[in-house]
């Protein structure tokens, strides 16, 4: 029963990078309208998603092969949390770099 729940959670790992971009800071740029900021942020999030898709697929493969071992040793939660945190950090870094390249800075 636990193995079935574990395997059903694996597809969720593929979408975590997308969700990770939700916590990015608000951005501002002199003369940019709210619509422009939103469009640029959406563009940067889309670029970040594309860049980390490969890594997310690799992590899903790792989960598929290592999950039984991690389940037996009681470390699956730690490994899942580590992968999720890495994905979130990577996504936020990509978005931040992209927004800065577009001339934005974090809003005060």
N, C-alpha and C. Protein backbone atom coordinates (compact mmCIF):
# COMPACT_ATOMS: atom_id res chain seq x y z
N UNK A 1 0.82 -1.19 0.00
CA UNK A 1 0.00 0.00 0.00
C UNK A 1 0.87 1.26 0.00
N UNK A 2 1.93 1.30 0.83
CA UNK A 2 2.80 2.47 0.86
C UNK A 2 3.54 2.63 -0.46
N UNK A 3 3.94 1.53 -1.06
CA UNK A 3 4.64 1.60 -2.34
C UNK A 3 3.75 2.23 -3.40
N UNK A 4 2.46 1.89 -3.37
CA UNK A 4 1.53 2.45 -4.34
C UNK A 4 1.43 3.97 -4.17
N UNK A 5 1.35 4.44 -2.92
CA UNK A 5 1.31 5.88 -2.67
C UNK A 5 2.61 6.54 -3.11
N UNK A 6 3.71 5.87 -2.87
CA UNK A 6 5.01 6.40 -3.26
C UNK A 6 5.08 6.59 -4.77
N UNK A 7 4.69 5.57 -5.51
CA UNK A 7 4.75 5.65 -6.98
C UNK A 7 3.79 6.69 -7.51
N UNK A 8 2.65 6.90 -6.84
CA UNK A 8 1.70 7.91 -7.32
C UNK A 8 2.23 9.31 -7.07
N UNK A 9 3.19 9.46 -6.16
CA UNK A 9 3.76 10.78 -5.88
C UNK A 9 4.84 11.18 -6.87
N UNK A 10 5.37 10.24 -7.60
CA UNK A 10 6.48 10.53 -8.52
C UNK A 10 6.09 11.56 -9.59
N UNK A 11 4.91 11.49 -10.21
CA UNK A 11 4.57 12.54 -11.18
C UNK A 11 4.54 13.94 -10.57
N UNK A 12 4.22 14.02 -9.28
CA UNK A 12 4.23 15.32 -8.61
C UNK A 12 5.61 15.95 -8.65
N UNK A 13 6.64 15.14 -8.57
CA UNK A 13 8.01 15.67 -8.61
C UNK A 13 8.29 16.40 -9.92
N UNK A 14 7.63 15.98 -10.97
CA UNK A 14 7.86 16.61 -12.27
C UNK A 14 7.28 18.02 -12.32
N UNK A 15 6.23 18.30 -11.53
CA UNK A 15 5.64 19.64 -11.58
C UNK A 15 6.14 20.55 -10.47
N UNK A 16 6.89 20.03 -9.52
CA UNK A 16 7.39 20.88 -8.44
C UNK A 16 8.21 22.06 -8.93
N UNK A 17 9.04 21.88 -9.94
CA UNK A 17 9.78 23.05 -10.40
C UNK A 17 8.88 24.17 -10.89
N UNK A 18 7.77 23.83 -11.50
CA UNK A 18 6.83 24.84 -11.95
C UNK A 18 6.24 25.57 -10.77
N UNK A 19 5.86 24.83 -9.74
CA UNK A 19 5.28 25.44 -8.57
C UNK A 19 6.29 26.25 -7.78
N UNK A 20 7.53 25.89 -7.89
CA UNK A 20 8.56 26.58 -7.12
C UNK A 20 8.67 28.05 -7.50
N UNK A 21 8.37 28.38 -8.72
CA UNK A 21 8.45 29.77 -9.16
C UNK A 21 7.41 30.67 -8.54
N UNK A 22 6.41 30.11 -7.85
CA UNK A 22 5.34 30.91 -7.26
C UNK A 22 5.82 31.79 -6.12
N UNK A 23 6.93 31.47 -5.50
CA UNK A 23 7.38 32.22 -4.34
C UNK A 23 8.43 33.27 -4.67
N UNK A 24 8.58 33.63 -5.94
CA UNK A 24 9.60 34.60 -6.32
C UNK A 24 9.20 35.99 -5.83
N UNK A 25 10.18 36.88 -5.62
CA UNK A 25 9.87 38.22 -5.11
C UNK A 25 9.16 39.06 -6.16
N UNK A 26 8.55 40.12 -5.72
CA UNK A 26 7.94 41.07 -6.64
C UNK A 26 9.05 41.88 -7.29
N UNK A 27 8.87 42.22 -8.53
CA UNK A 27 9.90 42.91 -9.29
C UNK A 27 9.43 44.29 -9.71
N UNK A 28 10.38 45.20 -9.88
CA UNK A 28 10.03 46.53 -10.36
C UNK A 28 11.08 47.01 -11.35
N UNK A 29 10.62 47.90 -12.21
CA UNK A 29 11.49 48.50 -13.22
C UNK A 29 10.88 49.85 -13.56
N UNK A 30 11.68 50.86 -13.56
CA UNK A 30 11.19 52.20 -13.85
C UNK A 30 10.46 52.22 -15.19
N UNK A 31 9.24 52.74 -15.16
CA UNK A 31 8.45 52.87 -16.38
C UNK A 31 7.71 51.62 -16.83
N UNK A 32 7.88 50.51 -16.13
CA UNK A 32 7.21 49.26 -16.53
C UNK A 32 5.83 49.20 -15.89
N UNK A 33 4.83 48.91 -16.70
CA UNK A 33 3.48 48.75 -16.17
C UNK A 33 3.35 47.40 -15.48
N UNK A 34 2.28 47.25 -14.70
CA UNK A 34 2.04 45.96 -14.02
C UNK A 34 1.90 44.84 -15.04
N UNK A 35 1.26 45.13 -16.16
CA UNK A 35 1.09 44.11 -17.20
C UNK A 35 2.44 43.71 -17.81
N UNK A 36 3.31 44.69 -18.02
CA UNK A 36 4.64 44.40 -18.57
C UNK A 36 5.45 43.56 -17.59
N UNK A 37 5.40 43.94 -16.31
CA UNK A 37 6.13 43.18 -15.29
C UNK A 37 5.61 41.75 -15.24
N UNK A 38 4.29 41.60 -15.26
CA UNK A 38 3.68 40.26 -15.22
C UNK A 38 4.08 39.44 -16.44
N UNK A 39 4.10 40.06 -17.61
CA UNK A 39 4.47 39.34 -18.84
C UNK A 39 5.94 38.94 -18.80
N UNK A 40 6.79 39.86 -18.35
CA UNK A 40 8.22 39.53 -18.28
C UNK A 40 8.48 38.44 -17.25
N UNK A 41 7.79 38.50 -16.12
CA UNK A 41 7.96 37.46 -15.10
C UNK A 41 7.46 36.11 -15.62
N UNK A 42 6.33 36.11 -16.33
CA UNK A 42 5.82 34.86 -16.91
C UNK A 42 6.82 34.29 -17.91
N UNK A 43 7.43 35.17 -18.71
CA UNK A 43 8.44 34.73 -19.67
C UNK A 43 9.64 34.12 -18.95
N UNK A 44 10.10 34.78 -17.89
CA UNK A 44 11.24 34.26 -17.14
C UNK A 44 10.91 32.93 -16.47
N UNK A 45 9.70 32.82 -15.93
CA UNK A 45 9.28 31.54 -15.33
C UNK A 45 9.23 30.43 -16.37
N UNK A 46 8.73 30.76 -17.56
CA UNK A 46 8.67 29.75 -18.63
C UNK A 46 10.08 29.31 -19.04
N UNK A 47 11.00 30.27 -19.12
CA UNK A 47 12.38 29.92 -19.46
C UNK A 47 13.00 29.04 -18.37
N UNK A 48 12.73 29.40 -17.11
CA UNK A 48 13.27 28.60 -16.00
C UNK A 48 12.70 27.19 -16.03
N UNK A 49 11.40 27.08 -16.29
CA UNK A 49 10.78 25.75 -16.37
C UNK A 49 11.43 24.91 -17.46
N UNK A 50 11.69 25.52 -18.60
CA UNK A 50 12.31 24.78 -19.70
C UNK A 50 13.73 24.35 -19.34
N UNK A 51 14.46 25.24 -18.65
CA UNK A 51 15.84 24.92 -18.30
C UNK A 51 15.95 23.80 -17.27
N UNK A 52 15.01 23.74 -16.35
CA UNK A 52 15.14 22.72 -15.31
C UNK A 52 14.32 21.46 -15.60
N UNK A 53 13.62 21.45 -16.70
CA UNK A 53 12.83 20.27 -17.05
C UNK A 53 13.72 19.02 -17.14
N UNK A 54 14.87 19.16 -17.73
CA UNK A 54 15.80 18.04 -17.86
C UNK A 54 16.20 17.52 -16.48
N UNK A 55 16.57 18.45 -15.59
CA UNK A 55 16.96 18.05 -14.24
C UNK A 55 15.81 17.37 -13.50
N UNK A 56 14.60 17.88 -13.69
CA UNK A 56 13.43 17.28 -13.04
C UNK A 56 13.20 15.86 -13.55
N UNK A 57 13.41 15.65 -14.84
CA UNK A 57 13.26 14.31 -15.40
C UNK A 57 14.31 13.36 -14.82
N UNK A 58 15.52 13.85 -14.65
CA UNK A 58 16.57 13.03 -14.05
C UNK A 58 16.20 12.68 -12.61
N UNK A 59 15.71 13.68 -11.87
CA UNK A 59 15.30 13.42 -10.48
C UNK A 59 14.15 12.42 -10.41
N UNK A 60 13.23 12.49 -11.35
CA UNK A 60 12.14 11.51 -11.39
C UNK A 60 12.68 10.10 -11.62
N UNK A 61 13.68 10.00 -12.50
CA UNK A 61 14.31 8.71 -12.75
C UNK A 61 15.01 8.19 -11.49
N UNK A 62 15.68 9.08 -10.79
CA UNK A 62 16.33 8.69 -9.55
C UNK A 62 15.30 8.20 -8.55
N UNK A 63 14.21 8.93 -8.42
CA UNK A 63 13.15 8.51 -7.49
C UNK A 63 12.61 7.13 -7.87
N UNK A 64 12.42 6.92 -9.15
CA UNK A 64 11.87 5.65 -9.60
C UNK A 64 12.78 4.48 -9.27
N UNK A 65 14.08 4.70 -9.33
CA UNK A 65 15.01 3.60 -9.09
C UNK A 65 15.45 3.49 -7.63
N UNK A 66 15.56 4.62 -6.94
CA UNK A 66 16.08 4.60 -5.57
C UNK A 66 15.00 4.59 -4.49
N UNK A 67 13.77 4.90 -4.85
CA UNK A 67 12.69 5.01 -3.85
C UNK A 67 12.56 3.77 -2.96
N UNK A 68 12.61 2.56 -3.52
CA UNK A 68 12.48 1.40 -2.63
C UNK A 68 13.60 1.33 -1.58
N UNK A 69 14.83 1.66 -1.98
CA UNK A 69 15.94 1.67 -1.03
C UNK A 69 15.74 2.73 0.04
N UNK A 70 15.34 3.92 -0.39
CA UNK A 70 15.13 5.02 0.55
C UNK A 70 13.96 4.73 1.48
N UNK A 71 12.95 4.04 0.94
CA UNK A 71 11.80 3.67 1.76
C UNK A 71 12.25 2.71 2.87
N UNK A 72 13.06 1.73 2.49
CA UNK A 72 13.55 0.74 3.46
C UNK A 72 14.40 1.38 4.55
N UNK A 73 15.20 2.37 4.16
CA UNK A 73 16.10 2.99 5.13
C UNK A 73 15.47 4.18 5.85
N UNK A 74 14.26 4.52 5.49
CA UNK A 74 13.56 5.63 6.13
C UNK A 74 14.07 7.00 5.74
N UNK A 75 14.72 7.10 4.60
CA UNK A 75 15.28 8.39 4.18
C UNK A 75 14.58 8.98 2.97
N UNK A 76 13.46 8.42 2.58
CA UNK A 76 12.80 8.91 1.37
C UNK A 76 12.33 10.35 1.53
N UNK A 77 11.80 10.68 2.70
CA UNK A 77 11.34 12.05 2.92
C UNK A 77 12.47 13.06 2.84
N UNK A 78 13.61 12.70 3.40
CA UNK A 78 14.78 13.58 3.37
C UNK A 78 15.23 13.78 1.93
N UNK A 79 15.28 12.70 1.17
CA UNK A 79 15.72 12.80 -0.23
C UNK A 79 14.73 13.60 -1.07
N UNK A 80 13.44 13.38 -0.87
CA UNK A 80 12.44 14.14 -1.61
C UNK A 80 12.52 15.62 -1.28
N UNK A 81 12.67 15.92 0.01
CA UNK A 81 12.76 17.32 0.42
C UNK A 81 14.01 17.98 -0.15
N UNK A 82 15.10 17.25 -0.18
CA UNK A 82 16.34 17.79 -0.74
C UNK A 82 16.20 18.10 -2.22
N UNK A 83 15.59 17.20 -2.96
CA UNK A 83 15.39 17.42 -4.39
C UNK A 83 14.46 18.61 -4.61
N UNK A 84 13.40 18.69 -3.84
CA UNK A 84 12.44 19.78 -3.97
C UNK A 84 13.09 21.13 -3.67
N UNK A 85 13.87 21.17 -2.60
CA UNK A 85 14.55 22.43 -2.24
C UNK A 85 15.54 22.84 -3.32
N UNK A 86 16.24 21.88 -3.88
CA UNK A 86 17.20 22.17 -4.95
C UNK A 86 16.47 22.71 -6.17
N UNK A 87 15.35 22.09 -6.53
CA UNK A 87 14.57 22.55 -7.68
C UNK A 87 14.07 23.98 -7.45
N UNK A 88 13.58 24.25 -6.25
CA UNK A 88 13.06 25.59 -5.96
C UNK A 88 14.17 26.63 -6.04
N UNK A 89 15.30 26.32 -5.46
CA UNK A 89 16.43 27.26 -5.49
C UNK A 89 16.90 27.50 -6.91
N UNK A 90 17.01 26.43 -7.68
CA UNK A 90 17.46 26.53 -9.07
C UNK A 90 16.48 27.38 -9.88
N UNK A 91 15.19 27.15 -9.71
CA UNK A 91 14.17 27.92 -10.42
C UNK A 91 14.26 29.39 -10.04
N UNK A 92 14.33 29.67 -8.75
CA UNK A 92 14.40 31.06 -8.30
C UNK A 92 15.65 31.75 -8.85
N UNK A 93 16.76 31.04 -8.90
CA UNK A 93 17.99 31.62 -9.45
C UNK A 93 17.85 31.95 -10.93
N UNK A 94 17.24 31.04 -11.69
CA UNK A 94 17.02 31.30 -13.12
C UNK A 94 16.11 32.50 -13.32
N UNK A 95 15.02 32.56 -12.56
CA UNK A 95 14.08 33.67 -12.71
C UNK A 95 14.75 34.98 -12.33
N UNK A 96 15.49 34.97 -11.23
CA UNK A 96 16.17 36.20 -10.80
C UNK A 96 17.16 36.67 -11.86
N UNK A 97 17.96 35.78 -12.39
CA UNK A 97 18.92 36.16 -13.44
C UNK A 97 18.20 36.72 -14.67
N UNK A 98 17.12 36.10 -15.05
CA UNK A 98 16.36 36.53 -16.22
C UNK A 98 15.76 37.92 -15.99
N UNK A 99 15.14 38.13 -14.83
CA UNK A 99 14.52 39.43 -14.55
C UNK A 99 15.57 40.53 -14.47
N UNK A 100 16.70 40.23 -13.87
CA UNK A 100 17.78 41.22 -13.80
C UNK A 100 18.31 41.55 -15.20
N UNK A 101 18.38 40.55 -16.05
CA UNK A 101 18.82 40.77 -17.44
C UNK A 101 17.83 41.66 -18.20
N UNK A 102 16.57 41.63 -17.78
CA UNK A 102 15.54 42.47 -18.41
C UNK A 102 15.50 43.86 -17.77
N UNK A 103 16.37 44.11 -16.80
CA UNK A 103 16.45 45.44 -16.20
C UNK A 103 15.65 45.61 -14.92
N UNK A 104 15.16 44.54 -14.34
CA UNK A 104 14.35 44.62 -13.12
C UNK A 104 15.22 44.46 -11.88
N UNK A 105 14.67 44.91 -10.78
CA UNK A 105 15.24 44.69 -9.47
C UNK A 105 14.11 44.31 -8.53
N UNK A 106 14.44 43.68 -7.41
CA UNK A 106 13.38 43.33 -6.45
C UNK A 106 12.69 44.60 -5.95
N UNK A 107 11.38 44.55 -5.87
CA UNK A 107 10.61 45.68 -5.36
C UNK A 107 10.82 45.82 -3.87
N UNK A 108 10.83 47.05 -3.41
CA UNK A 108 11.02 47.30 -1.98
C UNK A 108 9.72 47.12 -1.22
